[in-house]
Amino acid sequence: MVPSIRLALPIVFTLLAGSSPGPQPLDGQRGGDACPAADGCQVASGHYRIVLPPRSETPPTGAIMYFHGYQGSAEETIADPGLVAVAQRLGVALIAPDGAGRSWSYPGSPAHNRDEFAFVRQVLDDAVPRFGIDPHRIMASGFSQGGSMVWYLACRMPTRFSAFAPIAGAFWEPLPASCESPRPPLIHVHGTSDATVPMAGRALRQGYRQGDLFKSLAILAPAGCTAAWPDAARAGAAGSALACLLASGCGGSARLELCLHGGGHFADPAWVERAWRLTMPARPAPLATGARLTSP
């Protein structure tokens, strides 16, 4: 039985992509794919793509590392105008790791192509110094099987990212016995009508099974602050509107939030932008021209 939950009252709202302009024209290697060769940016275990903000005097203020769904690719991620527009609005890089075999090989996955945790470390170790990314402002997000990959990163590599924003994917069976500390900021979005990755999980071929979302939450934060979504809140989610509950009493300050919508298996880039704005630590204000740092 999943532990009882202590959550703030639900907040129901609709996220709109807005009328902000799309990606700006390419300017050298800024504003477009910074690894335009056929195989992208190479690391020992694979490759990734990266889209940088338009050219400016400063490097990216951070990055969103987005993990594609099953049968997706890094190339498809950086071709998504909604994701690229979000990253450029935020002034951050969009990093798109490429799944080996168009899949992800996390624990419980039917794919067994490589050590994904080693691959992600390689991507971070390459991209951060290479493109001048602030290592303290990187968020992992992803959809479907890529969302499950984000859950495993939150469990196994909580200090390499500042926040996690998985969509429509959780742990797979067998569920992890525990996760590494500290508990990270995490905002999860899921559709109550999702039949591809149901919140309760489902059995797949050859004995593989998607895990239960609420049991996944209980593993990530076992301090008595997570449990099943109340029926009233579930009924309140309709269409693309999100009904969100913010967990409290979790034994730490890291944000833990569950957002449901009434739709099926899809992702909205606006949800990624919302997660960034709610979880990312603020950047220090730049010094004014001619200003000096002084000792107390």
Protein backbone atom coordinates (compact mmCIF):
# COMPACT_ATOMS: atom_id res chain seq x y z
CA MET A 1 0.00 0.00 0.00
CA VAL A 2 1.34 3.41 -0.97
CA PRO A 3 1.98 5.79 1.99
CA SER A 4 -0.49 8.60 2.66
CA ILE A 5 0.11 11.96 1.07
CA ARG A 6 0.37 15.49 2.45
CA LEU A 7 -0.18 17.87 -0.43
CA ALA A 8 -1.14 21.48 -0.90
CA LEU A 9 -4.60 22.21 -2.34
CA PRO A 10 -4.75 21.59 -6.11
CA ILE A 11 -4.04 24.47 -8.44
CA VAL A 12 -5.79 24.13 -11.80
CA PHE A 13 -4.67 26.20 -14.76
CA THR A 14 -4.08 26.05 -18.50
CA LEU A 15 -0.62 26.48 -19.98
CA LEU A 16 -0.46 28.23 -23.31
CA ALA A 17 2.53 28.37 -25.59
CA GLY A 18 1.86 32.07 -26.14
CA SER A 19 2.61 34.19 -29.16
CA SER A 20 6.35 34.48 -28.64
CA PRO A 21 8.36 34.34 -31.87
CA GLY A 22 9.86 31.03 -32.89
CA PRO A 23 13.57 30.21 -33.17
CA GLN A 24 15.65 33.07 -34.47
CA PRO A 25 17.72 32.76 -37.66
CA LEU A 26 20.96 30.83 -37.43
CA ASP A 27 24.01 32.93 -36.68
CA GLY A 28 27.14 30.90 -37.22
CA GLN A 29 27.03 28.21 -34.55
CA ARG A 30 24.73 30.22 -32.27
CA GLY A 31 20.99 29.73 -32.50
CA GLY A 32 21.27 26.48 -34.50
CA ASP A 33 22.66 22.96 -34.25
CA ALA A 34 26.17 23.52 -32.93
CA CYS A 35 27.25 20.04 -34.07
CA PRO A 36 25.97 20.03 -37.66
CA ALA A 37 28.01 17.03 -38.86
CA ALA A 38 26.05 13.87 -39.69
CA ASP A 39 26.94 12.20 -36.39
CA GLY A 40 26.54 15.26 -34.15
CA CYS A 41 28.71 15.83 -31.07
CA GLN A 42 30.57 12.60 -30.38
CA VAL A 43 31.35 11.12 -26.96
CA ALA A 44 32.65 7.67 -26.09
CA SER A 45 29.23 5.98 -25.85
CA GLY A 46 27.27 7.79 -28.53
CA HIS A 47 26.35 11.27 -29.72
CA TYR A 48 24.17 14.23 -28.94
CA ARG A 49 22.88 17.37 -30.60
CA ILE A 50 22.82 20.85 -29.10
CA VAL A 51 21.08 24.09 -30.06
CA LEU A 52 22.58 27.23 -28.54
CA PRO A 53 20.84 30.54 -27.93
CA PRO A 54 21.28 33.26 -30.56
CA ARG A 55 24.73 34.84 -30.57
CA SER A 56 25.38 37.17 -27.66
CA GLU A 57 28.27 38.33 -25.53
CA THR A 58 27.66 35.67 -22.89
CA PRO A 59 27.49 31.86 -23.05
CA PRO A 60 24.20 30.00 -22.38
CA THR A 61 22.84 30.60 -18.89
CA GLY A 62 22.12 26.89 -18.55
CA ALA A 63 20.70 23.97 -20.49
CA ILE A 64 17.69 21.72 -20.87
CA MET A 65 18.75 18.14 -21.61
CA TYR A 66 15.74 16.54 -23.31
CA PHE A 67 15.39 12.77 -23.75
CA HIS A 68 13.27 11.66 -26.72
CA GLY A 69 10.63 8.97 -26.58
CA TYR A 70 10.83 5.40 -27.93
CA GLN A 71 11.82 5.33 -31.61
CA GLY A 72 12.68 9.03 -31.46
CA SER A 73 16.07 10.64 -32.04
CA ALA A 74 18.23 13.59 -31.09
CA GLU A 75 17.69 14.99 -34.58
CA GLU A 76 13.92 14.98 -34.07
CA THR A 77 14.31 16.73 -30.72
CA ILE A 78 16.23 19.69 -32.11
CA ALA A 79 13.78 19.86 -35.04
CA ASP A 80 10.88 20.47 -32.62
CA PRO A 81 10.12 24.20 -32.97
CA GLY A 82 8.28 24.31 -29.64
CA LEU A 83 11.21 22.95 -27.64
CA VAL A 84 13.71 25.14 -29.46
CA ALA A 85 11.53 28.21 -28.89
CA VAL A 86 11.32 27.45 -25.15
CA ALA A 87 15.09 27.09 -24.84
CA GLN A 88 15.73 30.31 -26.73
CA ARG A 89 13.14 32.22 -24.70
CA LEU A 90 14.94 31.09 -21.56
CA GLY A 91 18.38 31.85 -23.04
CA VAL A 92 19.59 28.28 -22.50
CA ALA A 93 21.00 25.49 -24.63
CA LEU A 94 18.83 22.58 -25.74
CA ILE A 95 20.86 19.36 -25.42
CA ALA A 96 19.42 16.31 -27.18
CA PRO A 97 21.10 13.00 -26.31
CA ASP A 98 20.56 10.25 -28.87
CA GLY A 99 19.26 6.92 -27.63
CA ALA A 100 21.17 3.87 -28.91
CA GLY A 101 18.79 1.90 -31.10
CA ARG A 102 16.22 4.72 -30.71
CA SER A 103 15.64 3.53 -27.15
CA TRP A 104 16.99 3.98 -23.61
CA SER A 105 18.70 1.23 -21.62
CA TYR A 106 17.74 2.11 -18.05
CA PRO A 107 17.01 -0.62 -15.46
CA GLY A 108 13.94 -2.64 -16.44
CA SER A 109 13.97 -1.44 -20.06
CA PRO A 110 13.75 -3.99 -22.90
CA ALA A 111 16.83 -2.28 -24.41
CA HIS A 112 20.30 -3.31 -23.23
CA ASN A 113 22.52 -1.24 -25.53
CA ARG A 114 24.85 0.64 -23.16
CA ASP A 115 25.38 2.15 -19.71
CA GLU A 116 23.11 5.21 -19.99
CA PHE A 117 24.43 6.80 -16.81
CA ALA A 118 27.97 6.72 -18.18
CA PHE A 119 26.68 8.16 -21.46
CA VAL A 120 24.91 11.06 -19.74
CA ARG A 121 28.05 11.83 -17.71
CA GLN A 122 30.04 11.89 -20.95
CA VAL A 123 27.57 14.29 -22.57
CA LEU A 124 27.65 16.63 -19.58
CA ASP A 125 31.43 16.48 -19.29
CA ASP A 126 31.74 17.34 -22.97
CA ALA A 127 29.00 19.97 -23.41
CA VAL A 128 29.51 22.05 -20.26
CA PRO A 129 33.11 23.19 -20.92
CA ARG A 130 32.80 23.04 -24.70
CA PHE A 131 29.86 25.44 -24.90
CA GLY A 132 30.35 27.40 -21.67
CA ILE A 133 27.17 26.11 -19.99
CA ASP A 134 26.54 26.92 -16.35
CA PRO A 135 26.78 23.46 -14.69
CA HIS A 136 24.49 24.57 -11.85
CA ARG A 137 21.61 25.39 -14.19
CA ILE A 138 20.89 22.19 -16.11
CA MET A 139 17.46 20.53 -16.09
CA ALA A 140 16.69 17.03 -17.37
CA SER A 141 13.37 16.54 -19.13
CA GLY A 142 11.95 13.95 -21.48
CA PHE A 143 8.82 12.28 -22.78
CA SER A 144 7.50 8.71 -22.49
CA GLN A 145 10.49 6.35 -22.42
CA GLY A 146 12.63 9.49 -22.23
CA GLY A 147 10.55 10.54 -19.22
CA SER A 148 11.41 7.24 -17.55
CA MET A 149 15.08 7.92 -18.30
CA VAL A 150 14.72 11.22 -16.41
CA TRP A 151 13.27 9.40 -13.40
CA TYR A 152 16.33 7.13 -13.27
CA LEU A 153 18.66 10.12 -13.53
CA ALA A 154 16.81 11.76 -10.63
CA CYS A 155 17.33 8.55 -8.65
CA ARG A 156 20.93 7.75 -9.61
CA MET A 157 22.46 11.14 -10.53
CA PRO A 158 20.56 13.74 -8.46
CA THR A 159 23.51 16.13 -8.12
CA ARG A 160 24.42 16.39 -11.82
CA PHE A 161 21.22 18.31 -12.58
CA SER A 162 19.48 21.15 -10.77
CA ALA A 163 15.96 19.89 -11.56
CA PHE A 164 14.02 17.12 -13.29
CA ALA A 165 10.86 17.42 -15.39
CA PRO A 166 9.72 14.00 -16.67
CA ILE A 167 6.57 13.70 -18.79
CA ALA A 168 4.47 10.52 -19.15
CA GLY A 169 7.08 8.07 -17.87
CA ALA A 170 8.10 6.66 -14.47
CA PHE A 171 10.22 3.82 -13.06
CA TRP A 172 9.87 0.34 -14.56
CA GLU A 173 9.61 -2.99 -12.75
CA PRO A 174 11.42 -4.05 -10.70
CA LEU A 175 11.22 -0.66 -9.01
CA PRO A 176 14.40 0.69 -7.39
CA ALA A 177 14.73 -0.20 -3.73
CA SER A 178 15.93 3.33 -2.94
CA CYS A 179 17.41 6.45 -4.54
CA GLU A 180 20.59 8.39 -3.88
CA SER A 181 20.53 11.57 -1.81
CA PRO A 182 19.77 14.41 -1.82
CA ARG A 183 16.17 14.29 -3.00
CA PRO A 184 16.05 16.46 -6.12
CA PRO A 185 13.47 19.00 -7.35
CA LEU A 186 11.07 17.13 -9.63
CA ILE A 187 7.87 18.10 -11.45
CA HIS A 188 6.08 15.22 -13.17
CA VAL A 189 3.29 15.64 -15.79
CA HIS A 190 0.97 12.81 -16.83
CA GLY A 191 -2.34 12.34 -18.65
CA THR A 192 -5.15 10.61 -16.79
CA SER A 193 -6.28 9.05 -20.09
CA ASP A 194 -2.79 7.88 -21.10
CA ALA A 195 -3.13 4.32 -22.41
CA THR A 196 0.44 4.05 -23.73
CA VAL A 197 2.04 4.65 -20.32
CA PRO A 198 -0.83 4.40 -17.82
CA MET A 199 -0.27 5.87 -14.38
CA ALA A 200 -0.74 2.39 -12.90
CA GLY A 201 1.79 0.91 -15.32
CA ARG A 202 1.17 -2.03 -17.65
CA ALA A 203 2.67 -5.34 -18.74
CA LEU A 204 4.58 -5.50 -22.01
CA ARG A 205 6.01 -8.36 -24.05
CA GLN A 206 8.59 -10.79 -22.68
CA GLY A 207 7.81 -10.00 -19.05
CA TYR A 208 8.73 -6.31 -19.07
CA ARG A 209 6.43 -3.97 -17.15
CA GLN A 210 6.06 -0.22 -16.85
CA GLY A 211 5.96 0.84 -13.20
CA ASP A 212 3.25 2.53 -11.16
CA LEU A 213 3.63 6.32 -11.04
CA PHE A 214 2.55 6.67 -7.42
CA LYS A 215 4.86 3.91 -6.21
CA SER A 216 7.63 5.69 -8.13
CA LEU A 217 6.88 8.90 -6.24
CA ALA A 218 6.98 7.03 -2.94
CA ILE A 219 10.45 5.67 -3.75
CA LEU A 220 11.83 9.05 -4.73
CA ALA A 221 10.52 10.71 -1.55
CA PRO A 222 9.78 8.07 1.09
CA ALA A 223 9.38 10.51 3.96
CA GLY A 224 5.59 10.24 4.04
CA CYS A 225 4.85 13.03 1.58
CA THR A 226 3.69 11.08 -1.46
CA ALA A 227 0.76 8.80 -2.30
CA ALA A 228 -2.09 8.32 -4.76
CA TRP A 229 -3.68 11.30 -6.47
CA PRO A 230 -6.99 12.24 -4.81
CA ASP A 231 -10.05 11.37 -6.89
CA ALA A 232 -11.33 14.94 -6.75
CA ALA A 233 -8.12 16.34 -8.23
CA ARG A 234 -8.08 13.67 -10.94
CA ALA A 235 -11.62 14.60 -11.94
CA GLY A 236 -10.58 18.26 -12.11
CA ALA A 237 -8.00 17.70 -14.87
CA ALA A 238 -9.47 18.24 -18.32
CA GLY A 239 -7.90 18.51 -21.75
CA SER A 240 -4.55 20.27 -21.71
CA ALA A 241 -5.29 22.03 -18.42
CA LEU A 242 -3.01 20.92 -15.59
CA ALA A 243 -4.22 20.15 -12.09
CA CYS A 244 -1.09 20.35 -9.94
CA LEU A 245 -0.43 19.28 -6.36
CA LEU A 246 2.69 20.45 -4.56
CA ALA A 247 3.88 17.96 -1.96
CA SER A 248 4.70 19.18 1.54
CA GLY A 249 6.34 17.60 4.57
CA CYS A 250 8.94 15.81 2.46
CA GLY A 251 11.85 16.43 4.79
CA GLY A 252 13.59 18.95 2.59
CA SER A 253 13.16 22.07 0.50
CA ALA A 254 13.32 20.43 -2.95
CA ARG A 255 10.10 20.94 -4.91
CA LEU A 256 8.07 17.79 -5.60
CA GLU A 257 5.00 18.34 -7.74
CA LEU A 258 2.58 16.12 -9.64
CA CYS A 259 0.59 17.65 -12.50
CA LEU A 260 -2.19 15.79 -14.29
CA HIS A 261 -4.15 16.64 -17.40
CA GLY A 262 -7.19 14.87 -18.81
CA GLY A 263 -5.59 13.93 -22.12
CA GLY A 264 -3.61 10.97 -23.34
CA HIS A 265 0.02 10.34 -24.30
CA PHE A 266 1.52 13.64 -25.43
CA ALA A 267 3.88 16.39 -24.30
CA ASP A 268 3.61 20.17 -24.44
CA PRO A 269 6.84 22.23 -24.50
CA ALA A 270 5.09 24.77 -22.26
CA TRP A 271 5.28 22.21 -19.45
CA VAL A 272 9.07 22.12 -19.80
CA GLU A 273 9.23 25.91 -19.62
CA ARG A 274 6.99 25.98 -16.54
CA ALA A 275 9.20 23.43 -14.77
CA TRP A 276 12.32 25.47 -15.53
CA ARG A 277 10.83 28.70 -14.20
CA LEU A 278 9.63 27.00 -10.99
CA THR A 279 12.72 25.00 -10.13
CA MET A 280 15.79 26.65 -11.52
CA PRO A 281 17.96 28.64 -9.10
CA ALA A 282 18.16 32.30 -9.94
CA ARG A 283 21.31 33.58 -11.61
CA PRO A 284 23.33 36.24 -9.79
CA ALA A 285 22.72 39.68 -11.29
CA PRO A 286 25.65 40.85 -13.46
CA LEU A 287 27.82 43.64 -12.14
CA ALA A 288 27.19 47.05 -13.62
CA THR A 289 29.87 48.40 -15.94
CA GLY A 290 32.79 49.69 -13.89
CA ALA A 291 31.53 48.11 -10.66
CA ARG A 292 34.02 46.42 -8.32
CA LEU A 293 33.73 43.57 -5.90
CA THR A 294 34.61 44.72 -2.40
CA SER A 295 35.26 42.79 0.77
CA PRO A 296 32.79 43.20 3.69
